[in-house]
mmCIF file of all heavy atoms, coordinates in Angstrom:
data_MODEL
# 
_entry.id   MODEL 
# 
loop_
_atom_site.group_PDB 
_atom_site.id 
_atom_site.type_symbol 
_atom_site.label_atom_id 
_atom_site.label_alt_id 
_atom_site.label_comp_id 
_atom_site.label_asym_id 
_atom_site.label_entity_id 
_atom_site.label_seq_id 
_atom_site.pdbx_PDB_ins_code 
_atom_site.Cartn_x 
_atom_site.Cartn_y 
_atom_site.Cartn_z 
_atom_site.occupancy 
_atom_site.B_iso_or_equiv 
_atom_site.pdbx_formal_charge 
_atom_site.auth_seq_id 
_atom_site.auth_comp_id 
_atom_site.auth_asym_id 
_atom_site.auth_atom_id 
_atom_site.pdbx_PDB_model_num 
ATOM 1   N N   . SER A 1 1  ? -7.064  1.514   -1.442 1.00 0.00 ? 1  SER A N   1 
ATOM 2   C CA  . SER A 1 1  ? -8.067  2.549   -1.471 1.00 0.00 ? 1  SER A CA  1 
ATOM 3   C C   . SER A 1 1  ? -7.425  3.803   -2.050 1.00 0.00 ? 1  SER A C   1 
ATOM 4   O O   . SER A 1 1  ? -6.211  3.866   -2.226 1.00 0.00 ? 1  SER A O   1 
ATOM 5   C CB  . SER A 1 1  ? -8.607  2.824   -0.057 1.00 0.00 ? 1  SER A CB  1 
ATOM 6   O OG  . SER A 1 1  ? -7.570  3.276   0.788  1.00 0.00 ? 1  SER A OG  1 
ATOM 7   N N   . ARG A 1 2  ? -8.264  4.778   -2.313 1.00 0.00 ? 2  ARG A N   1 
ATOM 8   C CA  . ARG A 1 2  ? -7.725  6.021   -2.875 1.00 0.00 ? 2  ARG A CA  1 
ATOM 9   C C   . ARG A 1 2  ? -8.559  7.220   -2.473 1.00 0.00 ? 2  ARG A C   1 
ATOM 10  O O   . ARG A 1 2  ? -9.745  7.068   -2.172 1.00 0.00 ? 2  ARG A O   1 
ATOM 11  C CB  . ARG A 1 2  ? -7.628  5.959   -4.389 1.00 0.00 ? 2  ARG A CB  1 
ATOM 12  C CG  . ARG A 1 2  ? -8.959  5.860   -5.081 1.00 0.00 ? 2  ARG A CG  1 
ATOM 13  C CD  . ARG A 1 2  ? -8.722  5.844   -6.556 1.00 0.00 ? 2  ARG A CD  1 
ATOM 14  N NE  . ARG A 1 2  ? -9.918  5.435   -7.269 1.00 0.00 ? 2  ARG A NE  1 
ATOM 15  C CZ  . ARG A 1 2  ? -9.971  5.126   -8.525 1.00 0.00 ? 2  ARG A CZ  1 
ATOM 16  N NH1 . ARG A 1 2  ? -8.867  5.172   -9.270 1.00 0.00 ? 2  ARG A NH1 1 
ATOM 17  N NH2 . ARG A 1 2  ? -11.098 4.768   -9.095 1.00 0.00 ? 2  ARG A NH2 1 
ATOM 18  N N   . SER A 1 3  ? -7.920  8.376   -2.506 1.00 0.00 ? 3  SER A N   1 
ATOM 19  C CA  . SER A 1 3  ? -8.606  9.643   -2.287 1.00 0.00 ? 3  SER A CA  1 
ATOM 20  C C   . SER A 1 3  ? -8.341  10.515  -3.480 1.00 0.00 ? 3  SER A C   1 
ATOM 21  O O   . SER A 1 3  ? -7.216  11.009  -3.652 1.00 0.00 ? 3  SER A O   1 
ATOM 22  C CB  . SER A 1 3  ? -8.081  10.319  -1.008 1.00 0.00 ? 3  SER A CB  1 
ATOM 23  O OG  . SER A 1 3  ? -8.550  11.668  -0.926 1.00 0.00 ? 3  SER A OG  1 
ATOM 24  N N   . THR A 1 4  ? -9.363  10.725  -4.288 1.00 0.00 ? 4  THR A N   1 
ATOM 25  C CA  . THR A 1 4  ? -9.162  11.605  -5.433 1.00 0.00 ? 4  THR A CA  1 
ATOM 26  C C   . THR A 1 4  ? -8.960  13.027  -5.010 1.00 0.00 ? 4  THR A C   1 
ATOM 27  O O   . THR A 1 4  ? -8.246  13.769  -5.658 1.00 0.00 ? 4  THR A O   1 
ATOM 28  C CB  . THR A 1 4  ? -10.365 11.506  -6.410 1.00 0.00 ? 4  THR A CB  1 
ATOM 29  O OG1 . THR A 1 4  ? -11.572 11.731  -5.681 1.00 0.00 ? 4  THR A OG1 1 
ATOM 30  C CG2 . THR A 1 4  ? -10.429 10.113  -7.030 1.00 0.00 ? 4  THR A CG2 1 
ATOM 31  N N   . ALA A 1 5  ? -9.566  13.413  -3.872 1.00 0.00 ? 5  ALA A N   1 
ATOM 32  C CA  . ALA A 1 5  ? -9.385  14.767  -3.373 1.00 0.00 ? 5  ALA A CA  1 
ATOM 33  C C   . ALA A 1 5  ? -7.939  15.056  -3.016 1.00 0.00 ? 5  ALA A C   1 
ATOM 34  O O   . ALA A 1 5  ? -7.453  16.162  -3.180 1.00 0.00 ? 5  ALA A O   1 
ATOM 35  C CB  . ALA A 1 5  ? -10.298 15.005  -2.187 1.00 0.00 ? 5  ALA A CB  1 
ATOM 36  N N   . LYS A 1 6  ? -7.246  14.026  -2.553 1.00 0.00 ? 6  LYS A N   1 
ATOM 37  C CA  . LYS A 1 6  ? -5.830  14.192  -2.138 1.00 0.00 ? 6  LYS A CA  1 
ATOM 38  C C   . LYS A 1 6  ? -4.868  13.643  -3.167 1.00 0.00 ? 6  LYS A C   1 
ATOM 39  O O   . LYS A 1 6  ? -3.659  13.633  -2.935 1.00 0.00 ? 6  LYS A O   1 
ATOM 40  C CB  . LYS A 1 6  ? -5.628  13.471  -0.789 1.00 0.00 ? 6  LYS A CB  1 
ATOM 41  C CG  . LYS A 1 6  ? -6.403  14.036  0.350  1.00 0.00 ? 6  LYS A CG  1 
ATOM 42  C CD  . LYS A 1 6  ? -6.115  13.305  1.653  1.00 0.00 ? 6  LYS A CD  1 
ATOM 43  C CE  . LYS A 1 6  ? -6.893  13.921  2.803  1.00 0.00 ? 6  LYS A CE  1 
ATOM 44  N NZ  . LYS A 1 6  ? -6.600  13.207  4.075  1.00 0.00 ? 6  LYS A NZ  1 
ATOM 45  N N   . ASN A 1 7  ? -5.413  13.159  -4.292 1.00 0.00 ? 7  ASN A N   1 
ATOM 46  C CA  . ASN A 1 7  ? -4.532  12.561  -5.353 1.00 0.00 ? 7  ASN A CA  1 
ATOM 47  C C   . ASN A 1 7  ? -3.626  11.507  -4.756 1.00 0.00 ? 7  ASN A C   1 
ATOM 48  O O   . ASN A 1 7  ? -2.433  11.410  -5.083 1.00 0.00 ? 7  ASN A O   1 
ATOM 49  C CB  . ASN A 1 7  ? -3.699  13.637  -6.026 1.00 0.00 ? 7  ASN A CB  1 
ATOM 50  C CG  . ASN A 1 7  ? -4.544  14.519  -6.939 1.00 0.00 ? 7  ASN A CG  1 
ATOM 51  O OD1 . ASN A 1 7  ? -5.475  14.037  -7.596 1.00 0.00 ? 7  ASN A OD1 1 
ATOM 52  N ND2 . ASN A 1 7  ? -4.228  15.783  -6.983 1.00 0.00 ? 7  ASN A ND2 1 
ATOM 53  N N   . THR A 1 8  ? -4.163  10.665  -3.878 1.00 0.00 ? 8  THR A N   1 
ATOM 54  C CA  . THR A 1 8  ? -3.358  9.725   -3.132 1.00 0.00 ? 8  THR A CA  1 
ATOM 55  C C   . THR A 1 8  ? -3.974  8.327   -3.205 1.00 0.00 ? 8  THR A C   1 
ATOM 56  O O   . THR A 1 8  ? -5.172  8.157   -3.030 1.00 0.00 ? 8  THR A O   1 
ATOM 57  C CB  . THR A 1 8  ? -3.193  10.156  -1.692 1.00 0.00 ? 8  THR A CB  1 
ATOM 58  O OG1 . THR A 1 8  ? -2.618  11.469  -1.644 1.00 0.00 ? 8  THR A OG1 1 
ATOM 59  C CG2 . THR A 1 8  ? -2.284  9.181   -0.918 1.00 0.00 ? 8  THR A CG2 1 
ATOM 60  N N   . LEU A 1 9  ? -3.106  7.347   -3.413 1.00 0.00 ? 9  LEU A N   1 
ATOM 61  C CA  . LEU A 1 9  ? -3.457  5.929   -3.371 1.00 0.00 ? 9  LEU A CA  1 
ATOM 62  C C   . LEU A 1 9  ? -2.885  5.332   -2.098 1.00 0.00 ? 9  LEU A C   1 
ATOM 63  O O   . LEU A 1 9  ? -1.773  5.679   -1.708 1.00 0.00 ? 9  LEU A O   1 
ATOM 64  C CB  . LEU A 1 9  ? -2.904  5.242   -4.604 1.00 0.00 ? 9  LEU A CB  1 
ATOM 65  C CG  . LEU A 1 9  ? -3.312  3.795   -4.865 1.00 0.00 ? 9  LEU A CG  1 
ATOM 66  C CD1 . LEU A 1 9  ? -4.768  3.728   -5.282 1.00 0.00 ? 9  LEU A CD1 1 
ATOM 67  C CD2 . LEU A 1 9  ? -2.422  3.188   -5.968 1.00 0.00 ? 9  LEU A CD2 1 
ATOM 68  N N   . TYR A 1 10 ? -3.668  4.441   -1.476 1.00 0.00 ? 10 TYR A N   1 
ATOM 69  C CA  . TYR A 1 10 ? -3.207  3.819   -0.200 1.00 0.00 ? 10 TYR A CA  1 
ATOM 70  C C   . TYR A 1 10 ? -3.170  2.295   -0.328 1.00 0.00 ? 10 TYR A C   1 
ATOM 71  O O   . TYR A 1 10 ? -3.903  1.709   -1.117 1.00 0.00 ? 10 TYR A O   1 
ATOM 72  C CB  . TYR A 1 10 ? -4.188  4.204   0.918  1.00 0.00 ? 10 TYR A CB  1 
ATOM 73  C CG  . TYR A 1 10 ? -4.320  5.691   1.154  1.00 0.00 ? 10 TYR A CG  1 
ATOM 74  C CD1 . TYR A 1 10 ? -5.408  6.394   0.662  1.00 0.00 ? 10 TYR A CD1 1 
ATOM 75  C CD2 . TYR A 1 10 ? -3.368  6.416   1.895  1.00 0.00 ? 10 TYR A CD2 1 
ATOM 76  C CE1 . TYR A 1 10 ? -5.558  7.747   0.861  1.00 0.00 ? 10 TYR A CE1 1 
ATOM 77  C CE2 . TYR A 1 10 ? -3.515  7.755   2.126  1.00 0.00 ? 10 TYR A CE2 1 
ATOM 78  C CZ  . TYR A 1 10 ? -4.580  8.418   1.589  1.00 0.00 ? 10 TYR A CZ  1 
ATOM 79  O OH  . TYR A 1 10 ? -4.728  9.790   1.789  1.00 0.00 ? 10 TYR A OH  1 
ATOM 80  N N   . LEU A 1 11 ? -2.353  1.696   0.547  1.00 0.00 ? 11 LEU A N   1 
ATOM 81  C CA  . LEU A 1 11 ? -2.350  0.260   0.661  1.00 0.00 ? 11 LEU A CA  1 
ATOM 82  C C   . LEU A 1 11 ? -2.180  -0.058  2.159  1.00 0.00 ? 11 LEU A C   1 
ATOM 83  O O   . LEU A 1 11 ? -1.079  0.173   2.725  1.00 0.00 ? 11 LEU A O   1 
ATOM 84  C CB  . LEU A 1 11 ? -1.218  -0.384  -0.149 1.00 0.00 ? 11 LEU A CB  1 
ATOM 85  C CG  . LEU A 1 11 ? -1.228  -1.906  -0.187 1.00 0.00 ? 11 LEU A CG  1 
ATOM 86  C CD1 . LEU A 1 11 ? -2.498  -2.422  -0.942 1.00 0.00 ? 11 LEU A CD1 1 
ATOM 87  C CD2 . LEU A 1 11 ? 0.031   -2.486  -0.803 1.00 0.00 ? 11 LEU A CD2 1 
ATOM 88  N N   . GLN A 1 12 ? -3.225  -0.569  2.757  1.00 0.00 ? 12 GLN A N   1 
ATOM 89  C CA  . GLN A 1 12 ? -3.171  -1.000  4.145  1.00 0.00 ? 12 GLN A CA  1 
ATOM 90  C C   . GLN A 1 12 ? -2.743  -2.463  4.152  1.00 0.00 ? 12 GLN A C   1 
ATOM 91  O O   . GLN A 1 12 ? -3.383  -3.303  3.521  1.00 0.00 ? 12 GLN A O   1 
ATOM 92  C CB  . GLN A 1 12 ? -4.512  -0.849  4.819  1.00 0.00 ? 12 GLN A CB  1 
ATOM 93  C CG  . GLN A 1 12 ? -4.586  -1.368  6.242  1.00 0.00 ? 12 GLN A CG  1 
ATOM 94  C CD  . GLN A 1 12 ? -3.719  -0.533  7.194  1.00 0.00 ? 12 GLN A CD  1 
ATOM 95  O OE1 . GLN A 1 12 ? -3.727  0.673   7.124  1.00 0.00 ? 12 GLN A OE1 1 
ATOM 96  N NE2 . GLN A 1 12 ? -3.002  -1.213  8.073  1.00 0.00 ? 12 GLN A NE2 1 
ATOM 97  N N   . MET A 1 13 ? -1.664  -2.755  4.836  1.00 0.00 ? 13 MET A N   1 
ATOM 98  C CA  . MET A 1 13 ? -1.101  -4.099  4.864  1.00 0.00 ? 13 MET A CA  1 
ATOM 99  C C   . MET A 1 13 ? -1.113  -4.643  6.294  1.00 0.00 ? 13 MET A C   1 
ATOM 100 O O   . MET A 1 13 ? -0.469  -4.046  7.162  1.00 0.00 ? 13 MET A O   1 
ATOM 101 C CB  . MET A 1 13 ? 0.306   -4.075  4.318  1.00 0.00 ? 13 MET A CB  1 
ATOM 102 C CG  . MET A 1 13 ? 0.443   -3.451  2.923  1.00 0.00 ? 13 MET A CG  1 
ATOM 103 S SD  . MET A 1 13 ? 2.086   -3.641  2.197  1.00 0.00 ? 13 MET A SD  1 
ATOM 104 C CE  . MET A 1 13 ? 3.070   -2.745  3.370  1.00 0.00 ? 13 MET A CE  1 
ATOM 105 N N   . ASN A 1 14 ? -1.841  -5.686  6.517  1.00 0.00 ? 14 ASN A N   1 
ATOM 106 C CA  . ASN A 1 14 ? -1.950  -6.318  7.835  1.00 0.00 ? 14 ASN A CA  1 
ATOM 107 C C   . ASN A 1 14 ? -1.399  -7.732  7.782  1.00 0.00 ? 14 ASN A C   1 
ATOM 108 O O   . ASN A 1 14 ? -1.214  -8.309  6.681  1.00 0.00 ? 14 ASN A O   1 
ATOM 109 C CB  . ASN A 1 14 ? -3.401  -6.352  8.309  1.00 0.00 ? 14 ASN A CB  1 
ATOM 110 C CG  . ASN A 1 14 ? -3.992  -4.968  8.423  1.00 0.00 ? 14 ASN A CG  1 
ATOM 111 O OD1 . ASN A 1 14 ? -3.340  -3.991  8.763  1.00 0.00 ? 14 ASN A OD1 1 
ATOM 112 N ND2 . ASN A 1 14 ? -5.287  -4.861  8.127  1.00 0.00 ? 14 ASN A ND2 1 
ATOM 113 N N   . SER A 1 15 ? -1.126  -8.291  8.923  1.00 0.00 ? 15 SER A N   1 
ATOM 114 C CA  . SER A 1 15 ? -0.637  -9.658  9.034  1.00 0.00 ? 15 SER A CA  1 
ATOM 115 C C   . SER A 1 15 ? 0.531   -9.892  8.077  1.00 0.00 ? 15 SER A C   1 
ATOM 116 O O   . SER A 1 15 ? 0.562   -10.875 7.342  1.00 0.00 ? 15 SER A O   1 
ATOM 117 C CB  . SER A 1 15 ? -1.763  -10.642 8.730  1.00 0.00 ? 15 SER A CB  1 
ATOM 118 O OG  . SER A 1 15 ? -2.860  -10.438 9.614  1.00 0.00 ? 15 SER A OG  1 
ATOM 119 N N   . LEU A 1 16 ? 1.480   -8.990  8.115  1.00 0.00 ? 16 LEU A N   1 
ATOM 120 C CA  . LEU A 1 16 ? 2.579   -9.073  7.184  1.00 0.00 ? 16 LEU A CA  1 
ATOM 121 C C   . LEU A 1 16 ? 3.446   -10.299 7.427  1.00 0.00 ? 16 LEU A C   1 
ATOM 122 O O   . LEU A 1 16 ? 3.604   -10.775 8.553  1.00 0.00 ? 16 LEU A O   1 
ATOM 123 C CB  . LEU A 1 16 ? 3.436   -7.793  7.296  1.00 0.00 ? 16 LEU A CB  1 
ATOM 124 C CG  . LEU A 1 16 ? 2.840   -6.574  6.570  1.00 0.00 ? 16 LEU A CG  1 
ATOM 125 C CD1 . LEU A 1 16 ? 3.444   -5.281  7.085  1.00 0.00 ? 16 LEU A CD1 1 
ATOM 126 C CD2 . LEU A 1 16 ? 3.010   -6.688  5.083  1.00 0.00 ? 16 LEU A CD2 1 
ATOM 127 N N   . LYS A 1 17 ? 3.965   -10.812 6.297  1.00 0.00 ? 17 LYS A N   1 
ATOM 128 C CA  . LYS A 1 17 ? 4.810   -12.027 6.323  1.00 0.00 ? 17 LYS A CA  1 
ATOM 129 C C   . LYS A 1 17 ? 6.179   -11.681 5.751  1.00 0.00 ? 17 LYS A C   1 
ATOM 130 O O   . LYS A 1 17 ? 6.314   -10.733 4.953  1.00 0.00 ? 17 LYS A O   1 
ATOM 131 C CB  . LYS A 1 17 ? 4.160   -13.091 5.472  1.00 0.00 ? 17 LYS A CB  1 
ATOM 132 C CG  . LYS A 1 17 ? 2.739   -13.448 5.887  1.00 0.00 ? 17 LYS A CG  1 
ATOM 133 C CD  . LYS A 1 17 ? 2.159   -14.471 4.917  1.00 0.00 ? 17 LYS A CD  1 
ATOM 134 C CE  . LYS A 1 17 ? 0.733   -14.843 5.309  1.00 0.00 ? 17 LYS A CE  1 
ATOM 135 N NZ  . LYS A 1 17 ? 0.160   -15.847 4.359  1.00 0.00 ? 17 LYS A NZ  1 
ATOM 136 N N   . PRO A 1 18 ? 7.191   -12.438 6.076  1.00 0.00 ? 18 PRO A N   1 
ATOM 137 C CA  . PRO A 1 18 ? 8.512   -12.198 5.478  1.00 0.00 ? 18 PRO A CA  1 
ATOM 138 C C   . PRO A 1 18 ? 8.529   -12.162 3.965  1.00 0.00 ? 18 PRO A C   1 
ATOM 139 O O   . PRO A 1 18 ? 9.262   -11.402 3.367  1.00 0.00 ? 18 PRO A O   1 
ATOM 140 C CB  . PRO A 1 18 ? 9.354   -13.377 6.035  1.00 0.00 ? 18 PRO A CB  1 
ATOM 141 C CG  . PRO A 1 18 ? 8.703   -13.700 7.338  1.00 0.00 ? 18 PRO A CG  1 
ATOM 142 C CD  . PRO A 1 18 ? 7.247   -13.503 7.095  1.00 0.00 ? 18 PRO A CD  1 
ATOM 143 N N   . GLU A 1 19 ? 7.662   -12.950 3.339  1.00 0.00 ? 19 GLU A N   1 
ATOM 144 C CA  . GLU A 1 19 ? 7.582   -12.979 1.885  1.00 0.00 ? 19 GLU A CA  1 
ATOM 145 C C   . GLU A 1 19 ? 6.952   -11.726 1.284  1.00 0.00 ? 19 GLU A C   1 
ATOM 146 O O   . GLU A 1 19 ? 6.948   -11.565 0.069  1.00 0.00 ? 19 GLU A O   1 
ATOM 147 C CB  . GLU A 1 19 ? 6.848   -14.222 1.395  1.00 0.00 ? 19 GLU A CB  1 
ATOM 148 C CG  . GLU A 1 19 ? 5.506   -14.471 2.028  1.00 0.00 ? 19 GLU A CG  1 
ATOM 149 C CD  . GLU A 1 19 ? 5.570   -15.447 3.185  1.00 0.00 ? 19 GLU A CD  1 
ATOM 150 O OE1 . GLU A 1 19 ? 6.523   -15.346 4.027  1.00 0.00 ? 19 GLU A OE1 1 
ATOM 151 O OE2 . GLU A 1 19 ? 4.671   -16.302 3.268  1.00 0.00 ? 19 GLU A OE2 1 
ATOM 152 N N   . ASP A 1 20 ? 6.446   -10.838 2.128  1.00 0.00 ? 20 ASP A N   1 
ATOM 153 C CA  . ASP A 1 20 ? 5.955   -9.547  1.645  1.00 0.00 ? 20 ASP A CA  1 
ATOM 154 C C   . ASP A 1 20 ? 7.097   -8.537  1.496  1.00 0.00 ? 20 ASP A C   1 
ATOM 155 O O   . ASP A 1 20 ? 6.855   -7.416  0.980  1.00 0.00 ? 20 ASP A O   1 
ATOM 156 C CB  . ASP A 1 20 ? 4.909   -8.985  2.611  1.00 0.00 ? 20 ASP A CB  1 
ATOM 157 C CG  . ASP A 1 20 ? 3.650   -9.820  2.689  1.00 0.00 ? 20 ASP A CG  1 
ATOM 158 O OD1 . ASP A 1 20 ? 3.189   -10.289 1.613  1.00 0.00 ? 20 ASP A OD1 1 
ATOM 159 O OD2 . ASP A 1 20 ? 3.128   -9.990  3.806  1.00 0.00 ? 20 ASP A OD2 1 
ATOM 160 N N   . THR A 1 21 ? 8.281   -8.890  1.919  1.00 0.00 ? 21 THR A N   1 
ATOM 161 C CA  . THR A 1 21 ? 9.436   -8.013  1.789  1.00 0.00 ? 21 THR A CA  1 
ATOM 162 C C   . THR A 1 21 ? 9.685   -7.691  0.323  1.00 0.00 ? 21 THR A C   1 
ATOM 163 O O   . THR A 1 21 ? 9.873   -8.580  -0.505 1.00 0.00 ? 21 THR A O   1 
ATOM 164 C CB  . THR A 1 21 ? 10.667  -8.648  2.419  1.00 0.00 ? 21 THR A CB  1 
ATOM 165 O OG1 . THR A 1 21 ? 10.467  -8.806  3.817  1.00 0.00 ? 21 THR A OG1 1 
ATOM 166 C CG2 . THR A 1 21 ? 11.905  -7.802  2.176  1.00 0.00 ? 21 THR A CG2 1 
ATOM 167 N N   . ALA A 1 22 ? 9.707   -6.386  -0.001 1.00 0.00 ? 22 ALA A N   1 
ATOM 168 C CA  . ALA A 1 22 ? 9.887   -5.952  -1.377 1.00 0.00 ? 22 ALA A CA  1 
ATOM 169 C C   . ALA A 1 22 ? 9.879   -4.435  -1.403 1.00 0.00 ? 22 ALA A C   1 
ATOM 170 O O   . ALA A 1 22 ? 9.580   -3.753  -0.401 1.00 0.00 ? 22 ALA A O   1 
ATOM 171 C CB  . ALA A 1 22 ? 8.779   -6.470  -2.250 1.00 0.00 ? 22 ALA A CB  1 
ATOM 172 N N   . VAL A 1 23 ? 10.195  -3.868  -2.561 1.00 0.00 ? 23 VAL A N   1 
ATOM 173 C CA  . VAL A 1 23 ? 9.957   -2.458  -2.820 1.00 0.00 ? 23 VAL A CA  1 
ATOM 174 C C   . VAL A 1 23 ? 8.589   -2.320  -3.461 1.00 0.00 ? 23 VAL A C   1 
ATOM 175 O O   . VAL A 1 23 ? 8.299   -3.037  -4.418 1.00 0.00 ? 23 VAL A O   1 
ATOM 176 C CB  . VAL A 1 23 ? 11.037  -1.851  -3.731 1.00 0.00 ? 23 VAL A CB  1 
ATOM 177 C CG1 . VAL A 1 23 ? 10.763  -0.367  -3.975 1.00 0.00 ? 23 VAL A CG1 1 
ATOM 178 C CG2 . VAL A 1 23 ? 12.427  -2.029  -3.125 1.00 0.00 ? 23 VAL A CG2 1 
ATOM 179 N N   . TYR A 1 24 ? 7.788   -1.439  -2.876 1.00 0.00 ? 24 TYR A N   1 
ATOM 180 C CA  . TYR A 1 24 ? 6.398   -1.269  -3.343 1.00 0.00 ? 24 TYR A CA  1 
ATOM 181 C C   . TYR A 1 24 ? 6.266   0.002   -4.166 1.00 0.00 ? 24 TYR A C   1 
ATOM 182 O O   . TYR A 1 24 ? 6.767   1.056   -3.765 1.00 0.00 ? 24 TYR A O   1 
ATOM 183 C CB  . TYR A 1 24 ? 5.474   -1.245  -2.146 1.00 0.00 ? 24 TYR A CB  1 
ATOM 184 C CG  . TYR A 1 24 ? 5.238   -2.609  -1.560 1.00 0.00 ? 24 TYR A CG  1 
ATOM 185 C CD1 . TYR A 1 24 ? 6.245   -3.246  -0.848 1.00 0.00 ? 24 TYR A CD1 1 
ATOM 186 C CD2 . TYR A 1 24 ? 4.027   -3.277  -1.703 1.00 0.00 ? 24 TYR A CD2 1 
ATOM 187 C CE1 . TYR A 1 24 ? 6.047   -4.517  -0.288 1.00 0.00 ? 24 TYR A CE1 1 
ATOM 188 C CE2 . TYR A 1 24 ? 3.812   -4.564  -1.186 1.00 0.00 ? 24 TYR A CE2 1 
ATOM 189 C CZ  . TYR A 1 24 ? 4.824   -5.145  -0.483 1.00 0.00 ? 24 TYR A CZ  1 
ATOM 190 O OH  . TYR A 1 24 ? 4.653   -6.394  0.027  1.00 0.00 ? 24 TYR A OH  1 
ATOM 191 N N   . TYR A 1 25 ? 5.535   -0.101  -5.275 1.00 0.00 ? 25 TYR A N   1 
ATOM 192 C CA  . TYR A 1 25 ? 5.332   1.004   -6.203 1.00 0.00 ? 25 TYR A CA  1 
ATOM 193 C C   . TYR A 1 25 ? 3.851   1.134   -6.509 1.00 0.00 ? 25 TYR A C   1 
ATOM 194 O O   . TYR A 1 25 ? 3.071   0.175   -6.444 1.00 0.00 ? 25 TYR A O   1 
ATOM 195 C CB  . TYR A 1 25 ? 6.034   0.754   -7.531 1.00 0.00 ? 25 TYR A CB  1 
ATOM 196 C CG  . TYR A 1 25 ? 7.508   0.433   -7.471 1.00 0.00 ? 25 TYR A CG  1 
ATOM 197 C CD1 . TYR A 1 25 ? 7.971   -0.830  -7.232 1.00 0.00 ? 25 TYR A CD1 1 
ATOM 198 C CD2 . TYR A 1 25 ? 8.473   1.446   -7.663 1.00 0.00 ? 25 TYR A CD2 1 
ATOM 199 C CE1 . TYR A 1 25 ? 9.306   -1.148  -7.180 1.00 0.00 ? 25 TYR A CE1 1 
ATOM 200 C CE2 . TYR A 1 25 ? 9.813   1.148   -7.600 1.00 0.00 ? 25 TYR A CE2 1 
ATOM 201 C CZ  . TYR A 1 25 ? 10.234  -0.122  -7.374 1.00 0.00 ? 25 TYR A CZ  1 
ATOM 202 O OH  . TYR A 1 25 ? 11.555  -0.412  -7.343 1.00 0.00 ? 25 TYR A OH  1 
ATOM 203 N N   . CYS A 1 26 ? 3.431   2.318   -6.945 1.00 0.00 ? 26 CYS A N   1 
ATOM 204 C CA  . CYS A 1 26 ? 2.092   2.518   -7.469 1.00 0.00 ? 26 CYS A CA  1 
ATOM 205 C C   . CYS A 1 26 ? 2.211   3.000   -8.910 1.00 0.00 ? 26 CYS A C   1 
ATOM 206 O O   . CYS A 1 26 ? 3.221   3.587   -9.311 1.00 0.00 ? 26 CYS A O   1 
ATOM 207 C CB  . CYS A 1 26 ? 1.289   3.473   -6.623 1.00 0.00 ? 26 CYS A CB  1 
ATOM 208 S SG  . CYS A 1 26 ? 1.826   5.186   -6.692 1.00 0.00 ? 26 CYS A SG  1 
# 
């Protein structure tokens, strides 16, 4: 999701798994 008013991008991550381990970028 994103907020243009805040110039911010979001990523809600649920039910995380070990294979989600990484460096995250936008």
